[in-house]
Amino acid sequence: MRESPGLARRSVLGALVWTPGVLLLQGGGAPAQDSLVGRLSDPWQAGRSRGRVTDYENDPFIIGVEEQLRCTCGCNLSVYTCRTTDFTCQTSPAMHRQVIALVEERKSAEEILQAFVDQNGETVLMAPPRRGFNLAGYFVPGALIVTAGVLLAWVLARRSNPSVEAAATARGSAELEPGDAARLADELKRLEL
C-alpha cells in the first residue's frame, strides 16, 4: 500500500521537528550544565526596577488610602492593586509617591483624598462620596431589589392561595342539581356493567 504524498511530507516534517527535541531530552544534543535556578542572566528582562522598598510599602494607613483611589492609567484598579500587580504601569507608583509625600506632610486620609480629588476630579475615587445626588446610587438599587422581592412574594402568594371568593365559586360549581346527580349515577352504573 502506497502512502499519499501529503502524508509522507508530514511524517518527514514531524521527524525533523521531533528528533532534536528527543536528542535534547536524552542528553545527546547539548552538554550538561549546572542548574540556572536562582540566577537571571539579564535582570532588566524581568520588568521595571522596583526601586528602594520603604516602610510605606506595606503600611496599613497608606494601603487604606490607596485602596480608595483609582489609578488614572485606565485600568480601573485601585492604586494599591495596580502598583502591586501591574509592574508595567508607571502611573500607580507615581501616585504612591504622592500619597507618601502627603503622609509625610502629616495629612489625614480625608485631606489626602481631597488633594487627589482637587487634582483629578471625583473620578479618581473608587466610590462616589455619599452626599447629594450620589446618594441615589447607594439607595436606589437596594430599594428596587426590595420592591421587586415584595412584589414577587405577593404574586406567588396570590397564585398559591386562591381567594375565598374563588374557592366559593369553585365549590358552588362542583355541586350538582338533584336531577343531574341521578343521571350521573345511572351513567356510572351503566359503565360498570
Protein backbone atom coordinates (compact mmCIF):
# COMPACT_ATOMS: atom_id res chain seq x y z
CA MET A 1 0.00 0.00 0.00
CA ARG A 2 1.47 3.34 -1.06
CA GLU A 3 1.29 6.47 1.20
CA SER A 4 -0.09 9.68 -0.21
CA PRO A 5 2.47 12.47 -0.85
CA GLY A 6 0.91 14.73 1.80
CA LEU A 7 1.19 12.04 4.46
CA ALA A 8 4.83 11.35 3.57
CA ARG A 9 5.67 15.06 3.85
CA ARG A 10 4.00 15.26 7.24
CA SER A 11 5.96 12.33 8.59
CA VAL A 12 9.25 13.81 7.33
CA LEU A 13 8.44 17.21 8.83
CA GLY A 14 7.41 15.54 12.09
CA ALA A 15 10.69 13.69 12.24
CA LEU A 16 12.62 16.92 11.65
CA VAL A 17 10.74 18.68 14.42
CA TRP A 18 10.77 15.88 16.98
CA THR A 19 14.31 14.50 16.51
CA PRO A 20 16.16 17.50 18.03
CA GLY A 21 13.74 17.50 20.96
CA VAL A 22 14.28 13.80 21.62
CA LEU A 23 18.05 14.26 21.46
CA LEU A 24 17.90 17.11 23.96
CA LEU A 25 15.75 15.05 26.33
CA GLN A 26 18.17 12.15 26.12
CA GLY A 27 21.08 14.46 26.75
CA GLY A 28 22.78 13.75 23.44
CA GLY A 29 22.26 17.19 21.88
CA ALA A 30 23.78 19.59 24.40
CA PRO A 31 26.44 19.37 27.05
CA ALA A 32 25.18 19.06 30.63
CA GLN A 33 25.19 22.33 32.52
CA ASP A 34 24.63 23.47 36.06
CA SER A 35 21.18 24.47 37.20
CA LEU A 36 20.21 28.05 36.41
CA VAL A 37 17.73 28.22 39.28
CA GLY A 38 18.12 31.45 41.20
CA ARG A 39 20.17 33.20 38.52
CA LEU A 40 18.84 35.66 36.00
CA SER A 41 21.21 36.45 33.18
CA ASP A 42 19.73 39.88 32.47
CA PRO A 43 17.74 41.43 35.35
CA TRP A 44 16.27 44.12 33.05
CA GLN A 45 14.28 41.43 31.23
CA ALA A 46 12.24 40.79 34.38
CA GLY A 47 10.34 44.12 34.18
CA ARG A 48 10.83 47.59 35.53
CA SER A 49 13.07 48.15 38.51
CA ARG A 50 11.08 48.38 41.69
CA GLY A 51 13.36 50.86 43.34
CA ARG A 52 14.01 51.08 47.04
CA VAL A 53 11.45 49.36 49.26
CA THR A 54 10.36 51.65 52.06
CA ASP A 55 8.43 51.16 55.27
CA TYR A 56 5.48 52.77 53.49
CA GLU A 57 5.08 49.88 51.04
CA ASN A 58 3.00 47.80 53.47
CA ASP A 59 1.83 50.46 55.93
CA PRO A 60 -1.88 49.80 56.65
CA PHE A 61 -2.72 53.54 56.59
CA ILE A 62 -1.14 54.00 53.14
CA ILE A 63 -2.77 50.84 51.80
CA GLY A 64 -6.15 52.04 53.14
CA VAL A 65 -5.80 55.39 51.37
CA GLU A 66 -4.56 53.82 48.13
CA GLU A 67 -7.48 51.35 48.12
CA GLN A 68 -9.83 54.36 47.94
CA LEU A 69 -8.02 55.93 44.98
CA ARG A 70 -8.48 54.78 41.36
CA CYS A 71 -5.33 54.54 39.25
CA THR A 72 -5.57 57.06 36.41
CA CYS A 73 -3.81 54.80 33.88
CA GLY A 74 -7.21 53.47 32.75
CA CYS A 75 -7.08 50.05 34.40
CA ASN A 76 -9.93 50.87 36.87
CA LEU A 77 -7.96 49.26 39.71
CA SER A 78 -7.11 50.91 43.00
CA VAL A 79 -3.67 52.48 43.23
CA TYR A 80 -2.54 49.78 45.68
CA THR A 81 -3.77 46.90 43.50
CA CYS A 82 -2.32 48.40 40.32
CA ARG A 83 1.11 49.10 41.81
CA THR A 84 1.39 45.63 43.33
CA THR A 85 0.12 43.62 40.34
CA ASP A 86 0.87 45.57 37.14
CA PHE A 87 4.61 46.17 37.03
CA THR A 88 4.40 47.87 33.65
CA CYS A 89 2.23 50.75 34.94
CA GLN A 90 4.12 53.97 35.55
CA THR A 91 1.10 55.87 36.92
CA SER A 92 0.41 53.96 40.14
CA PRO A 93 3.98 54.25 41.51
CA ALA A 94 3.84 58.00 40.87
CA MET A 95 0.51 58.21 42.70
CA HIS A 96 2.00 56.10 45.51
CA ARG A 97 4.87 58.59 45.83
CA GLN A 98 2.31 61.43 46.01
CA VAL A 99 0.46 59.64 48.81
CA ILE A 100 3.73 59.12 50.70
CA ALA A 101 4.65 62.80 50.28
CA LEU A 102 1.25 63.86 51.66
CA VAL A 103 1.57 61.43 54.58
CA GLU A 104 4.99 62.86 55.38
CA GLU A 105 3.35 66.30 55.48
CA ARG A 106 1.13 64.87 58.26
CA LYS A 107 -2.08 65.00 56.20
CA SER A 108 -5.10 62.93 57.26
CA ALA A 109 -6.73 60.37 54.98
CA GLU A 110 -9.55 62.79 54.13
CA GLU A 111 -7.06 65.53 53.26
CA ILE A 112 -5.07 63.16 51.03
CA LEU A 113 -8.20 62.04 49.21
CA GLN A 114 -9.33 65.66 48.82
CA ALA A 115 -5.93 66.60 47.35
CA PHE A 116 -6.35 63.91 44.69
CA VAL A 117 -9.97 64.98 44.03
CA ASP A 118 -8.79 68.59 43.61
CA GLN A 119 -6.14 67.44 41.14
CA ASN A 120 -8.12 64.81 39.14
CA GLY A 121 -11.80 65.24 39.97
CA GLU A 122 -14.16 62.84 41.74
CA THR A 123 -13.45 60.13 39.17
CA VAL A 124 -10.19 59.39 41.00
CA LEU A 125 -12.20 57.92 43.88
CA MET A 126 -13.09 54.22 43.79
CA ALA A 127 -16.59 55.00 45.14
CA PRO A 128 -18.51 58.27 44.81
CA PRO A 129 -18.83 60.32 48.00
CA ARG A 130 -22.03 59.76 49.99
CA ARG A 131 -23.63 63.16 49.51
CA GLY A 132 -26.01 64.94 47.17
CA PHE A 133 -27.22 63.12 44.08
CA ASN A 134 -24.67 60.33 44.66
CA LEU A 135 -26.92 59.03 47.44
CA ALA A 136 -29.28 57.79 44.72
CA GLY A 137 -26.53 55.45 43.55
CA TYR A 138 -26.33 53.96 47.04
CA PHE A 139 -30.05 53.64 47.85
CA VAL A 140 -31.99 53.21 44.58
CA PRO A 141 -30.58 49.77 43.63
CA GLY A 142 -31.33 48.38 47.10
CA ALA A 143 -34.83 49.87 47.11
CA LEU A 144 -35.53 48.38 43.67
CA ILE A 145 -34.36 44.94 44.78
CA VAL A 146 -36.53 45.06 47.93
CA THR A 147 -39.56 46.29 45.93
CA ALA A 148 -39.11 43.54 43.33
CA GLY A 149 -38.82 40.93 46.11
CA VAL A 150 -42.00 42.13 47.83
CA LEU A 151 -43.88 42.21 44.52
CA LEU A 152 -42.70 38.70 43.62
CA ALA A 153 -43.71 37.36 47.06
CA TRP A 154 -47.15 38.98 46.71
CA VAL A 155 -47.71 37.45 43.24
CA LEU A 156 -46.59 34.00 44.40
CA ALA A 157 -48.82 34.19 47.48
CA ARG A 158 -51.85 35.08 45.35
CA ARG A 159 -51.18 32.17 43.00
CA SER A 160 -50.75 29.56 45.72
CA ASN A 161 -53.66 30.73 47.94
CA PRO A 162 -56.81 31.37 45.91
CA SER A 163 -59.10 33.94 47.44
CA VAL A 164 -62.18 32.95 49.42
CA GLU A 165 -64.47 34.09 46.60
CA ALA A 166 -62.66 31.90 44.07
CA ALA A 167 -62.89 28.92 46.44
CA ALA A 168 -66.61 29.50 46.99
CA THR A 169 -67.20 29.79 43.24
CA ALA A 170 -65.28 26.59 42.58
CA ARG A 171 -67.17 24.74 45.33
CA GLY A 172 -70.53 26.05 44.10
CA SER A 173 -69.93 24.86 40.55
CA ALA A 174 -68.91 21.42 41.81
CA GLU A 175 -72.29 20.80 43.47
CA LEU A 176 -74.83 19.03 41.24
CA GLU A 177 -78.51 19.58 40.84
CA PRO A 178 -80.65 16.65 42.13
CA GLY A 179 -81.66 15.63 38.58
CA ASP A 180 -78.05 15.74 37.36
CA ALA A 181 -76.92 13.61 40.32
CA ALA A 182 -79.46 10.90 39.44
CA ARG A 183 -78.47 10.93 35.76
CA LEU A 184 -74.77 10.71 36.71
CA ALA A 185 -75.47 7.72 38.98
CA ASP A 186 -77.31 5.96 36.12
CA GLU A 187 -74.42 6.55 33.72
CA LEU A 188 -71.91 5.19 36.24
CA LYS A 189 -74.00 2.03 36.75
CA ARG A 190 -74.21 1.51 33.01
CA LEU A 191 -70.40 1.84 32.65
CA GLU A 192 -69.78 -0.72 35.42
CA LEU A 193 -71.67 -3.40 33.51
